[in-house]
Structure formats: C-alpha cells, structure tokens
C-alpha cells in the first residue's frame, strides 16, 4: 500500500530484517533467500 512522492502506487515489495550469529558478506546473505547482493 506504499505510494511514491507523487502519490503513485509503489510495486509490492517485502522488507526483511535478519539477525545473524556471525558476520557474513552481503553476497552470501543474498544467496540465503535467492536475491542479488545489491538488495542486501
């Protein structure tokens, strides 16, 4: 139900928050659920 600055609908998307027990690089984190690292 998000809209942009012009009031137009934004494409449906998810916000996912993750806590890890050790540091991992963004590429590895993205691979956990299958998304490119630029979205991490």
ModelCIF file with pLDDT and N, C-alpha, C, O atoms, coordinates in Angstrom:
data_MODEL
#
_entry.id   MODEL 
#
_entity.id                         1 
_entity.type                       polymer 
_entity.pdbx_number_of_molecules   1 
#
_entity_poly.entity_id                      1 
_entity_poly.type                           'polypeptide(L)' 
_entity_poly.nstd_linkage                   no 
_entity_poly.nstd_monomer                   no 
_entity_poly.pdbx_seq_one_letter_code       
;(UNK)(UNK)(UNK)(UNK)(UNK)(UNK)(UNK)(UNK)(UNK)(UNK)(UNK)(UNK)(UNK)(UNK)(UNK)(UNK)
(UNK)(UNK)(UNK)(UNK)(UNK)(UNK)(UNK)(UNK)(UNK)(UNK)(UNK)(UNK)(UNK)(UNK)(UNK)(UNK)
(UNK)(UNK)(UNK)(UNK)(UNK)(UNK)(UNK)(UNK)
;
_entity_poly.pdbx_seq_one_letter_code_can   XXXXXXXXXXXXXXXXXXXXXXXXXXXXXXXXXXXXXXXX 
_entity_poly.pdbx_strand_id                 A 
#
loop_
_entity_poly_seq.entity_id 
_entity_poly_seq.num 
_entity_poly_seq.mon_id 
_entity_poly_seq.hetero 
1 1  UNK n 
1 2  UNK n 
1 3  UNK n 
1 4  UNK n 
1 5  UNK n 
1 6  UNK n 
1 7  UNK n 
1 8  UNK n 
1 9  UNK n 
1 10 UNK n 
1 11 UNK n 
1 12 UNK n 
1 13 UNK n 
1 14 UNK n 
1 15 UNK n 
1 16 UNK n 
1 17 UNK n 
1 18 UNK n 
1 19 UNK n 
1 20 UNK n 
1 21 UNK n 
1 22 UNK n 
1 23 UNK n 
1 24 UNK n 
1 25 UNK n 
1 26 UNK n 
1 27 UNK n 
1 28 UNK n 
1 29 UNK n 
1 30 UNK n 
1 31 UNK n 
1 32 UNK n 
1 33 UNK n 
1 34 UNK n 
1 35 UNK n 
1 36 UNK n 
1 37 UNK n 
1 38 UNK n 
1 39 UNK n 
1 40 UNK n 
#
_struct_asym.id          A 
_struct_asym.entity_id   1 
#
loop_
_ma_qa_metric.id 
_ma_qa_metric.mode 
_ma_qa_metric.name 
_ma_qa_metric.software_group_id 
_ma_qa_metric.type 
1 global pLDDT . pLDDT 
2 local  pLDDT . pLDDT 
#
_ma_qa_metric_global.metric_id      1 
_ma_qa_metric_global.metric_value   96.15 
_ma_qa_metric_global.model_id       1 
_ma_qa_metric_global.ordinal_id     1 
#
loop_
_ma_qa_metric_local.label_asym_id 
_ma_qa_metric_local.label_comp_id 
_ma_qa_metric_local.label_seq_id 
_ma_qa_metric_local.metric_id 
_ma_qa_metric_local.metric_value 
_ma_qa_metric_local.model_id 
_ma_qa_metric_local.ordinal_id 
A UNK 1  2 97.00 1 1  
A UNK 2  2 97.00 1 2  
A UNK 3  2 96.00 1 3  
A UNK 4  2 95.00 1 4  
A UNK 5  2 93.00 1 5  
A UNK 6  2 95.00 1 6  
A UNK 7  2 94.00 1 7  
A UNK 8  2 96.00 1 8  
A UNK 9  2 96.00 1 9  
A UNK 10 2 97.00 1 10 
A UNK 11 2 97.00 1 11 
A UNK 12 2 97.00 1 12 
A UNK 13 2 97.00 1 13 
A UNK 14 2 97.00 1 14 
A UNK 15 2 97.00 1 15 
A UNK 16 2 98.00 1 16 
A UNK 17 2 98.00 1 17 
A UNK 18 2 98.00 1 18 
A UNK 19 2 97.00 1 19 
A UNK 20 2 97.00 1 20 
A UNK 21 2 97.00 1 21 
A UNK 22 2 96.00 1 22 
A UNK 23 2 96.00 1 23 
A UNK 24 2 97.00 1 24 
A UNK 25 2 96.00 1 25 
A UNK 26 2 96.00 1 26 
A UNK 27 2 96.00 1 27 
A UNK 28 2 96.00 1 28 
A UNK 29 2 97.00 1 29 
A UNK 30 2 96.00 1 30 
A UNK 31 2 96.00 1 31 
A UNK 32 2 96.00 1 32 
A UNK 33 2 94.00 1 33 
A UNK 34 2 95.00 1 34 
A UNK 35 2 96.00 1 35 
A UNK 36 2 95.00 1 36 
A UNK 37 2 94.00 1 37 
A UNK 38 2 95.00 1 38 
A UNK 39 2 96.00 1 39 
A UNK 40 2 97.00 1 40 
#
loop_
_atom_site.group_PDB 
_atom_site.id 
_atom_site.type_symbol 
_atom_site.label_atom_id 
_atom_site.label_alt_id 
_atom_site.label_comp_id 
_atom_site.label_asym_id 
_atom_site.label_entity_id 
_atom_site.label_seq_id 
_atom_site.pdbx_PDB_ins_code 
_atom_site.Cartn_x 
_atom_site.Cartn_y 
_atom_site.Cartn_z 
_atom_site.occupancy 
_atom_site.B_iso_or_equiv 
_atom_site.pdbx_formal_charge 
_atom_site.auth_seq_id 
_atom_site.auth_comp_id 
_atom_site.auth_asym_id 
_atom_site.auth_atom_id 
_atom_site.pdbx_PDB_model_num 
ATOM 1   N N  . UNK A 1 1  ? 0.819  -1.219  0.000  1.00 97.00 ? 1  UNK A N  1 
ATOM 2   C CA . UNK A 1 1  ? 0.000  0.000   0.000  1.00 97.00 ? 1  UNK A CA 1 
ATOM 3   C C  . UNK A 1 1  ? 0.850  1.265   0.000  1.00 97.00 ? 1  UNK A C  1 
ATOM 4   O O  . UNK A 1 1  ? 0.343  2.347   0.297  1.00 97.00 ? 1  UNK A O  1 
ATOM 5   N N  . UNK A 1 2  ? 2.143  1.146   -0.330 1.00 97.00 ? 2  UNK A N  1 
ATOM 6   C CA . UNK A 1 2  ? 3.026  2.312   -0.359 1.00 97.00 ? 2  UNK A CA 1 
ATOM 7   C C  . UNK A 1 2  ? 2.785  3.142   -1.616 1.00 97.00 ? 2  UNK A C  1 
ATOM 8   O O  . UNK A 1 2  ? 2.373  2.624   -2.654 1.00 97.00 ? 2  UNK A O  1 
ATOM 9   N N  . UNK A 1 3  ? 3.052  4.442   -1.498 1.00 96.00 ? 3  UNK A N  1 
ATOM 10  C CA . UNK A 1 3  ? 2.974  5.343   -2.656 1.00 96.00 ? 3  UNK A CA 1 
ATOM 11  C C  . UNK A 1 3  ? 4.253  6.153   -2.718 1.00 96.00 ? 3  UNK A C  1 
ATOM 12  O O  . UNK A 1 3  ? 4.929  6.333   -1.705 1.00 96.00 ? 3  UNK A O  1 
ATOM 13  N N  . UNK A 1 4  ? 4.595  6.653   -3.928 1.00 95.00 ? 4  UNK A N  1 
ATOM 14  C CA . UNK A 1 4  ? 5.796  7.463   -4.068 1.00 95.00 ? 4  UNK A CA 1 
ATOM 15  C C  . UNK A 1 4  ? 5.493  8.921   -3.766 1.00 95.00 ? 4  UNK A C  1 
ATOM 16  O O  . UNK A 1 4  ? 4.392  9.251   -3.326 1.00 95.00 ? 4  UNK A O  1 
ATOM 17  N N  . UNK A 1 5  ? 6.478  9.806   -4.005 1.00 93.00 ? 5  UNK A N  1 
ATOM 18  C CA . UNK A 1 5  ? 6.321  11.228  -3.680 1.00 93.00 ? 5  UNK A CA 1 
ATOM 19  C C  . UNK A 1 5  ? 5.199  11.886  -4.461 1.00 93.00 ? 5  UNK A C  1 
ATOM 20  O O  . UNK A 1 5  ? 4.647  12.901  -4.035 1.00 93.00 ? 5  UNK A O  1 
ATOM 21  N N  . UNK A 1 6  ? 4.861  11.304  -5.608 1.00 95.00 ? 6  UNK A N  1 
ATOM 22  C CA . UNK A 1 6  ? 3.777  11.856  -6.426 1.00 95.00 ? 6  UNK A CA 1 
ATOM 23  C C  . UNK A 1 6  ? 2.431  11.216  -6.114 1.00 95.00 ? 6  UNK A C  1 
ATOM 24  O O  . UNK A 1 6  ? 1.427  11.527  -6.755 1.00 95.00 ? 6  UNK A O  1 
ATOM 25  N N  . UNK A 1 7  ? 2.411  10.333  -5.141 1.00 94.00 ? 7  UNK A N  1 
ATOM 26  C CA . UNK A 1 7  ? 1.167  9.679   -4.769 1.00 94.00 ? 7  UNK A CA 1 
ATOM 27  C C  . UNK A 1 7  ? 0.814  8.470   -5.603 1.00 94.00 ? 7  UNK A C  1 
ATOM 28  O O  . UNK A 1 7  ? -0.292 7.940   -5.502 1.00 94.00 ? 7  UNK A O  1 
ATOM 29  N N  . UNK A 1 8  ? 1.755  8.028   -6.434 1.00 96.00 ? 8  UNK A N  1 
ATOM 30  C CA . UNK A 1 8  ? 1.501  6.862   -7.286 1.00 96.00 ? 8  UNK A CA 1 
ATOM 31  C C  . UNK A 1 8  ? 1.867  5.582   -6.539 1.00 96.00 ? 8  UNK A C  1 
ATOM 32  O O  . UNK A 1 8  ? 2.819  5.578   -5.758 1.00 96.00 ? 8  UNK A O  1 
ATOM 33  N N  . UNK A 1 9  ? 1.119  4.485   -6.768 1.00 96.00 ? 9  UNK A N  1 
ATOM 34  C CA . UNK A 1 9  ? 1.401  3.226   -6.060 1.00 96.00 ? 9  UNK A CA 1 
ATOM 35  C C  . UNK A 1 9  ? 2.805  2.708   -6.362 1.00 96.00 ? 9  UNK A C  1 
ATOM 36  O O  . UNK A 1 9  ? 3.279  2.776   -7.496 1.00 96.00 ? 9  UNK A O  1 
ATOM 37  N N  . UNK A 1 10 ? 3.461  2.186   -5.317 1.00 97.00 ? 10 UNK A N  1 
ATOM 38  C CA . UNK A 1 10 ? 4.765  1.560   -5.449 1.00 97.00 ? 10 UNK A CA 1 
ATOM 39  C C  . UNK A 1 10 ? 4.546  0.056   -5.600 1.00 97.00 ? 10 UNK A C  1 
ATOM 40  O O  . UNK A 1 10 ? 3.661  -0.519  -4.966 1.00 97.00 ? 10 UNK A O  1 
ATOM 41  N N  . UNK A 1 11 ? 5.358  -0.569  -6.442 1.00 97.00 ? 11 UNK A N  1 
ATOM 42  C CA . UNK A 1 11 ? 5.218  -2.011  -6.658 1.00 97.00 ? 11 UNK A CA 1 
ATOM 43  C C  . UNK A 1 11 ? 5.315  -2.750  -5.331 1.00 97.00 ? 11 UNK A C  1 
ATOM 44  O O  . UNK A 1 11 ? 6.166  -2.420  -4.505 1.00 97.00 ? 11 UNK A O  1 
ATOM 45  N N  . UNK A 1 12 ? 4.452  -3.752  -5.110 1.00 97.00 ? 12 UNK A N  1 
ATOM 46  C CA . UNK A 1 12 ? 4.513  -4.529  -3.861 1.00 97.00 ? 12 UNK A CA 1 
ATOM 47  C C  . UNK A 1 12 ? 5.915  -5.101  -3.633 1.00 97.00 ? 12 UNK A C  1 
ATOM 48  O O  . UNK A 1 12 ? 6.546  -5.608  -4.561 1.00 97.00 ? 12 UNK A O  1 
ATOM 49  N N  . UNK A 1 13 ? 6.388  -5.015  -2.401 1.00 97.00 ? 13 UNK A N  1 
ATOM 50  C CA . UNK A 1 13 ? 7.734  -5.459  -2.064 1.00 97.00 ? 13 UNK A CA 1 
ATOM 51  C C  . UNK A 1 13 ? 7.754  -5.925  -0.612 1.00 97.00 ? 13 UNK A C  1 
ATOM 52  O O  . UNK A 1 13 ? 6.814  -5.678  0.144  1.00 97.00 ? 13 UNK A O  1 
ATOM 53  N N  . UNK A 1 14 ? 8.830  -6.597  -0.235 1.00 97.00 ? 14 UNK A N  1 
ATOM 54  C CA . UNK A 1 14 ? 8.964  -7.012  1.158  1.00 97.00 ? 14 UNK A CA 1 
ATOM 55  C C  . UNK A 1 14 ? 10.111 -6.263  1.822  1.00 97.00 ? 14 UNK A C  1 
ATOM 56  O O  . UNK A 1 14 ? 11.084 -5.867  1.181  1.00 97.00 ? 14 UNK A O  1 
ATOM 57  N N  . UNK A 1 15 ? 9.960  -6.084  3.126  1.00 97.00 ? 15 UNK A N  1 
ATOM 58  C CA . UNK A 1 15 ? 11.052 -5.625  3.981  1.00 97.00 ? 15 UNK A CA 1 
ATOM 59  C C  . UNK A 1 15 ? 11.381 -6.780  4.911  1.00 97.00 ? 15 UNK A C  1 
ATOM 60  O O  . UNK A 1 15 ? 10.541 -7.205  5.705  1.00 97.00 ? 15 UNK A O  1 
ATOM 61  N N  . UNK A 1 16 ? 12.585 -7.281  4.814  1.00 98.00 ? 16 UNK A N  1 
ATOM 62  C CA . UNK A 1 16 ? 13.023 -8.428  5.600  1.00 98.00 ? 16 UNK A CA 1 
ATOM 63  C C  . UNK A 1 16 ? 14.200 -8.011  6.479  1.00 98.00 ? 16 UNK A C  1 
ATOM 64  O O  . UNK A 1 16 ? 15.193 -7.478  5.985  1.00 98.00 ? 16 UNK A O  1 
ATOM 65  N N  . UNK A 1 17 ? 14.085 -8.254  7.769  1.00 98.00 ? 17 UNK A N  1 
ATOM 66  C CA . UNK A 1 17 ? 15.141 -7.938  8.736  1.00 98.00 ? 17 UNK A CA 1 
ATOM 67  C C  . UNK A 1 17 ? 15.739 -9.252  9.225  1.00 98.00 ? 17 UNK A C  1 
ATOM 68  O O  . UNK A 1 17 ? 15.016 -10.160 9.633  1.00 98.00 ? 17 UNK A O  1 
ATOM 69  N N  . UNK A 1 18 ? 17.070 -9.344  9.180  1.00 98.00 ? 18 UNK A N  1 
ATOM 70  C CA . UNK A 1 18 ? 17.752 -10.582 9.559  1.00 98.00 ? 18 UNK A CA 1 
ATOM 71  C C  . UNK A 1 18 ? 18.827 -10.289 10.603 1.00 98.00 ? 18 UNK A C  1 
ATOM 72  O O  . UNK A 1 18 ? 19.574 -9.319  10.478 1.00 98.00 ? 18 UNK A O  1 
ATOM 73  N N  . UNK A 1 19 ? 18.901 -11.130 11.628 1.00 97.00 ? 19 UNK A N  1 
ATOM 74  C CA . UNK A 1 19 ? 19.977 -11.100 12.603 1.00 97.00 ? 19 UNK A CA 1 
ATOM 75  C C  . UNK A 1 19 ? 20.756 -12.400 12.520 1.00 97.00 ? 19 UNK A C  1 
ATOM 76  O O  . UNK A 1 19 ? 20.167 -13.479 12.574 1.00 97.00 ? 19 UNK A O  1 
ATOM 77  N N  . UNK A 1 20 ? 22.084 -12.310 12.389 1.00 97.00 ? 20 UNK A N  1 
ATOM 78  C CA . UNK A 1 20 ? 22.937 -13.494 12.211 1.00 97.00 ? 20 UNK A CA 1 
ATOM 79  C C  . UNK A 1 20 ? 23.762 -13.756 13.471 1.00 97.00 ? 20 UNK A C  1 
ATOM 80  O O  . UNK A 1 20 ? 23.978 -12.856 14.282 1.00 97.00 ? 20 UNK A O  1 
ATOM 81  N N  . UNK A 1 21 ? 24.213 -14.983 13.620 1.00 97.00 ? 21 UNK A N  1 
ATOM 82  C CA . UNK A 1 21 ? 25.062 -15.307 14.769 1.00 97.00 ? 21 UNK A CA 1 
ATOM 83  C C  . UNK A 1 21 ? 26.538 -15.049 14.502 1.00 97.00 ? 21 UNK A C  1 
ATOM 84  O O  . UNK A 1 21 ? 27.364 -15.155 15.408 1.00 97.00 ? 21 UNK A O  1 
ATOM 85  N N  . UNK A 1 22 ? 26.870 -14.711 13.253 1.00 96.00 ? 22 UNK A N  1 
ATOM 86  C CA . UNK A 1 22 ? 28.220 -14.269 12.893 1.00 96.00 ? 22 UNK A CA 1 
ATOM 87  C C  . UNK A 1 22 ? 28.127 -13.449 11.615 1.00 96.00 ? 22 UNK A C  1 
ATOM 88  O O  . UNK A 1 22 ? 27.136 -13.530 10.888 1.00 96.00 ? 22 UNK A O  1 
ATOM 89  N N  . UNK A 1 23 ? 29.153 -12.667 11.343 1.00 96.00 ? 23 UNK A N  1 
ATOM 90  C CA . UNK A 1 23 ? 29.131 -11.807 10.164 1.00 96.00 ? 23 UNK A CA 1 
ATOM 91  C C  . UNK A 1 23 ? 29.260 -12.630 8.883  1.00 96.00 ? 23 UNK A C  1 
ATOM 92  O O  . UNK A 1 23 ? 30.069 -13.553 8.788  1.00 96.00 ? 23 UNK A O  1 
ATOM 93  N N  . UNK A 1 24 ? 28.438 -12.264 7.905  1.00 97.00 ? 24 UNK A N  1 
ATOM 94  C CA . UNK A 1 24 ? 28.521 -12.842 6.563  1.00 97.00 ? 24 UNK A CA 1 
ATOM 95  C C  . UNK A 1 24 ? 28.545 -11.701 5.567  1.00 97.00 ? 24 UNK A C  1 
ATOM 96  O O  . UNK A 1 24 ? 28.027 -10.620 5.844  1.00 97.00 ? 24 UNK A O  1 
ATOM 97  N N  . UNK A 1 25 ? 29.156 -11.939 4.386  1.00 96.00 ? 25 UNK A N  1 
ATOM 98  C CA . UNK A 1 25 ? 29.165 -10.882 3.387  1.00 96.00 ? 25 UNK A CA 1 
ATOM 99  C C  . UNK A 1 25 ? 27.805 -10.802 2.697  1.00 96.00 ? 25 UNK A C  1 
ATOM 100 O O  . UNK A 1 25 ? 27.022 -11.751 2.713  1.00 96.00 ? 25 UNK A O  1 
ATOM 101 N N  . UNK A 1 26 ? 27.551 -9.660  2.100  1.00 96.00 ? 26 UNK A N  1 
ATOM 102 C CA . UNK A 1 26 ? 26.228 -9.405  1.525  1.00 96.00 ? 26 UNK A CA 1 
ATOM 103 C C  . UNK A 1 26 ? 25.877 -10.385 0.409  1.00 96.00 ? 26 UNK A C  1 
ATOM 104 O O  . UNK A 1 26 ? 24.706 -10.710 0.211  1.00 96.00 ? 26 UNK A O  1 
ATOM 105 N N  . UNK A 1 27 ? 26.879 -10.850 -0.311 1.00 96.00 ? 27 UNK A N  1 
ATOM 106 C CA . UNK A 1 27 ? 26.618 -11.827 -1.368 1.00 96.00 ? 27 UNK A CA 1 
ATOM 107 C C  . UNK A 1 27 ? 26.089 -13.127 -0.782 1.00 96.00 ? 27 UNK A C  1 
ATOM 108 O O  . UNK A 1 27 ? 25.128 -13.703 -1.290 1.00 96.00 ? 27 UNK A O  1 
ATOM 109 N N  . UNK A 1 28 ? 26.729 -13.584 0.297  1.00 96.00 ? 28 UNK A N  1 
ATOM 110 C CA . UNK A 1 28 ? 26.299 -14.821 0.949  1.00 96.00 ? 28 UNK A CA 1 
ATOM 111 C C  . UNK A 1 28 ? 24.900 -14.664 1.545  1.00 96.00 ? 28 UNK A C  1 
ATOM 112 O O  . UNK A 1 28 ? 24.079 -15.578 1.461  1.00 96.00 ? 28 UNK A O  1 
ATOM 113 N N  . UNK A 1 29 ? 24.633 -13.500 2.147  1.00 97.00 ? 29 UNK A N  1 
ATOM 114 C CA . UNK A 1 29 ? 23.319 -13.259 2.748  1.00 97.00 ? 29 UNK A CA 1 
ATOM 115 C C  . UNK A 1 29 ? 22.238 -13.282 1.666  1.00 97.00 ? 29 UNK A C  1 
ATOM 116 O O  . UNK A 1 29 ? 21.180 -13.885 1.846  1.00 97.00 ? 29 UNK A O  1 
ATOM 117 N N  . UNK A 1 30 ? 22.518 -12.618 0.538  1.00 96.00 ? 30 UNK A N  1 
ATOM 118 C CA . UNK A 1 30 ? 21.552 -12.617 -0.553 1.00 96.00 ? 30 UNK A CA 1 
ATOM 119 C C  . UNK A 1 30 ? 21.245 -14.013 -1.046 1.00 96.00 ? 30 UNK A C  1 
ATOM 120 O O  . UNK A 1 30 ? 20.102 -14.322 -1.386 1.00 96.00 ? 30 UNK A O  1 
ATOM 121 N N  . UNK A 1 31 ? 22.268 -14.865 -1.085 1.00 96.00 ? 31 UNK A N  1 
ATOM 122 C CA . UNK A 1 31 ? 22.083 -16.239 -1.571 1.00 96.00 ? 31 UNK A CA 1 
ATOM 123 C C  . UNK A 1 31 ? 21.203 -17.079 -0.648 1.00 96.00 ? 31 UNK A C  1 
ATOM 124 O O  . UNK A 1 31 ? 20.641 -18.094 -1.062 1.00 96.00 ? 31 UNK A O  1 
ATOM 125 N N  . UNK A 1 32 ? 21.089 -16.637 0.629  1.00 96.00 ? 32 UNK A N  1 
ATOM 126 C CA . UNK A 1 32 ? 20.269 -17.407 1.571  1.00 96.00 ? 32 UNK A CA 1 
ATOM 127 C C  . UNK A 1 32 ? 18.837 -17.521 1.057  1.00 96.00 ? 32 UNK A C  1 
ATOM 128 O O  . UNK A 1 32 ? 18.233 -18.592 1.112  1.00 96.00 ? 32 UNK A O  1 
ATOM 129 N N  . UNK A 1 33 ? 18.292 -16.393 0.550  1.00 94.00 ? 33 UNK A N  1 
ATOM 130 C CA . UNK A 1 33 ? 16.900 -16.436 0.073  1.00 94.00 ? 33 UNK A CA 1 
ATOM 131 C C  . UNK A 1 33 ? 16.815 -16.272 -1.443 1.00 94.00 ? 33 UNK A C  1 
ATOM 132 O O  . UNK A 1 33 ? 15.729 -16.295 -2.022 1.00 94.00 ? 33 UNK A O  1 
ATOM 133 N N  . UNK A 1 34 ? 17.985 -16.105 -2.081 1.00 95.00 ? 34 UNK A N  1 
ATOM 134 C CA . UNK A 1 34 ? 17.975 -16.047 -3.530 1.00 95.00 ? 34 UNK A CA 1 
ATOM 135 C C  . UNK A 1 34 ? 17.705 -14.676 -4.109 1.00 95.00 ? 34 UNK A C  1 
ATOM 136 O O  . UNK A 1 34 ? 16.921 -14.549 -5.050 1.00 95.00 ? 34 UNK A O  1 
ATOM 137 N N  . UNK A 1 35 ? 18.340 -13.640 -3.565 1.00 96.00 ? 35 UNK A N  1 
ATOM 138 C CA . UNK A 1 35 ? 18.237 -12.296 -4.139 1.00 96.00 ? 35 UNK A CA 1 
ATOM 139 C C  . UNK A 1 35 ? 19.653 -11.772 -4.377 1.00 96.00 ? 35 UNK A C  1 
ATOM 140 O O  . UNK A 1 35 ? 20.573 -12.156 -3.654 1.00 96.00 ? 35 UNK A O  1 
ATOM 141 N N  . UNK A 1 36 ? 19.853 -10.898 -5.380 1.00 95.00 ? 36 UNK A N  1 
ATOM 142 C CA . UNK A 1 36 ? 21.172 -10.319 -5.630 1.00 95.00 ? 36 UNK A CA 1 
ATOM 143 C C  . UNK A 1 36 ? 21.660 -9.505  -4.427 1.00 95.00 ? 36 UNK A C  1 
ATOM 144 O O  . UNK A 1 36 ? 20.857 -8.979  -3.656 1.00 95.00 ? 36 UNK A O  1 
ATOM 145 N N  . UNK A 1 37 ? 22.975 -9.408  -4.277 1.00 94.00 ? 37 UNK A N  1 
ATOM 146 C CA . UNK A 1 37 ? 23.543 -8.750  -3.101 1.00 94.00 ? 37 UNK A CA 1 
ATOM 147 C C  . UNK A 1 37 ? 23.204 -7.274  -3.021 1.00 94.00 ? 37 UNK A C  1 
ATOM 148 O O  . UNK A 1 37 ? 23.226 -6.707  -1.928 1.00 94.00 ? 37 UNK A O  1 
ATOM 149 N N  . UNK A 1 38 ? 22.887 -6.625  -4.148 1.00 95.00 ? 38 UNK A N  1 
ATOM 150 C CA . UNK A 1 38 ? 22.587 -5.194  -4.097 1.00 95.00 ? 38 UNK A CA 1 
ATOM 151 C C  . UNK A 1 38 ? 21.296 -4.886  -3.333 1.00 95.00 ? 38 UNK A C  1 
ATOM 152 O O  . UNK A 1 38 ? 21.041 -3.733  -2.984 1.00 95.00 ? 38 UNK A O  1 
ATOM 153 N N  . UNK A 1 39 ? 20.489 -5.908  -3.075 1.00 96.00 ? 39 UNK A N  1 
ATOM 154 C CA . UNK A 1 39 ? 19.264 -5.685  -2.311 1.00 96.00 ? 39 UNK A CA 1 
ATOM 155 C C  . UNK A 1 39 ? 19.463 -5.953  -0.818 1.00 96.00 ? 39 UNK A C  1 
ATOM 156 O O  . UNK A 1 39 ? 18.532 -5.829  -0.022 1.00 96.00 ? 39 UNK A O  1 
ATOM 157 N N  . UNK A 1 40 ? 20.696 -6.322  -0.454 1.00 97.00 ? 40 UNK A N  1 
ATOM 158 C CA . UNK A 1 40 ? 21.048 -6.530  0.950  1.00 97.00 ? 40 UNK A CA 1 
ATOM 159 C C  . UNK A 1 40 ? 21.791 -5.284  1.438  1.00 97.00 ? 40 UNK A C  1 
ATOM 160 O O  . UNK A 1 40 ? 22.194 -5.220  2.599  1.00 97.00 ? 40 UNK A O  1 
#
